[in-house]
Protein backbone atom coordinates (compact mmCIF):
# COMPACT_ATOMS: atom_id res chain seq x y z
CA MET A 1 0.00 0.00 0.00
CA SER A 2 1.30 3.45 -0.87
CA LYS A 3 2.28 5.95 1.82
CA ASN A 4 0.65 9.36 1.31
CA LEU A 5 0.97 12.57 3.25
CA TYR A 6 0.96 16.30 3.11
CA ALA A 7 3.15 18.72 4.97
CA THR A 8 2.49 22.37 5.64
CA MET A 9 4.78 25.11 6.86
CA THR A 10 4.61 28.88 7.10
CA ALA A 11 7.74 30.90 6.47
CA LEU A 12 8.69 33.44 9.11
CA PRO A 13 8.69 37.09 7.99
CA GLY A 14 11.41 37.67 5.41
CA CYS A 15 12.13 33.94 4.97
CA ARG A 16 9.71 33.03 2.18
CA ASP A 17 12.26 33.04 -0.65
CA LYS A 18 14.76 30.93 1.31
CA VAL A 19 12.08 28.36 2.22
CA ALA A 20 10.91 28.25 -1.41
CA GLN A 21 14.47 27.61 -2.61
CA LEU A 22 15.02 24.89 -0.01
CA LEU A 23 11.77 23.20 -1.08
CA THR A 24 12.71 23.46 -4.76
CA ASN A 25 16.07 21.82 -4.09
CA LEU A 26 14.50 19.18 -1.85
CA GLY A 27 11.94 18.36 -4.52
CA LYS A 28 14.65 17.60 -7.08
CA ASP A 29 16.31 15.17 -4.69
CA VAL A 30 13.10 13.52 -3.45
CA ARG A 31 11.72 13.00 -6.96
CA ALA A 32 14.94 11.12 -7.78
CA GLU A 33 14.35 8.64 -4.95
CA PRO A 34 13.32 5.26 -6.39
CA GLY A 35 10.26 4.98 -4.13
CA CYS A 36 8.90 8.49 -4.70
CA VAL A 37 5.63 8.59 -6.63
CA ARG A 38 4.71 12.26 -6.11
CA PHE A 39 6.29 15.35 -4.55
CA VAL A 40 4.56 18.63 -5.38
CA VAL A 41 5.01 21.97 -3.61
CA TYR A 42 2.31 24.66 -3.54
CA THR A 43 1.80 28.03 -1.92
CA ARG A 44 -1.60 29.35 -0.97
CA ASP A 45 -3.16 32.12 -3.07
CA ASP A 46 -4.40 33.84 0.08
CA SER A 47 -1.17 33.37 2.05
CA PRO A 48 1.99 33.09 -0.07
CA ASP A 49 4.18 32.45 2.98
CA CYS A 50 2.29 29.19 3.60
CA PHE A 51 3.64 26.14 1.76
CA HIS A 52 1.79 22.87 1.16
CA VAL A 53 3.68 19.76 0.02
CA GLU A 54 1.92 16.65 -1.30
CA GLU A 55 3.97 13.47 -1.12
CA SER A 56 3.36 9.85 -2.09
CA TYR A 57 5.74 6.93 -1.78
CA ARG A 58 5.46 3.45 -3.28
CA ASP A 59 5.11 1.82 0.16
CA GLU A 60 6.13 2.07 3.80
CA ALA A 61 9.68 0.92 3.02
CA ALA A 62 10.09 3.67 0.42
CA PHE A 63 8.86 6.23 2.91
CA ARG A 64 11.30 4.97 5.56
CA ALA A 65 14.12 5.19 3.05
CA HIS A 66 13.04 8.76 2.28
CA MET A 67 13.14 9.64 5.98
CA GLY A 68 16.74 8.45 6.21
CA THR A 69 18.12 10.54 3.34
CA GLU A 70 20.76 13.19 3.90
CA HIS A 71 18.85 15.72 1.78
CA GLY A 72 15.78 15.29 3.98
CA LYS A 73 17.80 15.69 7.16
CA HIS A 74 19.51 18.78 5.73
CA PHE A 75 16.14 20.33 4.81
CA ASN A 76 14.61 19.68 8.22
CA LYS A 77 17.62 21.22 9.96
CA ALA A 78 17.66 24.22 7.61
CA ILE A 79 14.02 25.17 8.22
CA GLU A 80 14.32 25.17 12.02
CA THR A 81 14.93 28.93 12.03
CA LEU A 82 12.91 29.75 8.91
CA VAL A 83 9.36 28.47 9.57
CA GLU A 84 6.80 28.84 12.31
CA GLY A 85 7.33 26.21 14.98
CA GLY A 86 10.69 25.21 13.52
CA ALA A 87 9.32 22.32 11.46
CA SER A 88 6.66 21.26 9.00
CA ASN A 89 3.30 19.89 10.14
CA VAL A 90 2.75 16.45 8.63
CA VAL A 91 -0.58 14.70 8.11
CA PHE A 92 -0.70 11.10 6.86
CA LEU A 93 -3.50 10.19 4.46
CA ARG A 94 -5.37 6.99 3.72
CA PRO A 95 -7.23 6.49 0.45
CA VAL A 96 -10.99 6.09 0.67
CA GLU A 97 -11.82 2.80 -1.01
């Protein structure tokens, strides 16, 4: 079964461009992971400092591999001082059958 989630984060004042660049770079690396099915980054029309990331992985093992990557660890460390709360908010999703 695939592993699906979304993550949200809001850039602190003056940090939007840096967060956007970090997400752009992360996306390139994540999309190259063999188990990545989808990684898409959005901003909200009504709040451009708010980012929304949709992610899907082939299965639980692919997601675990993703969590262990150096690029993921680097991103999570980098946003600690750039986004509200110091991290993204992650919600896991289950398909409705």
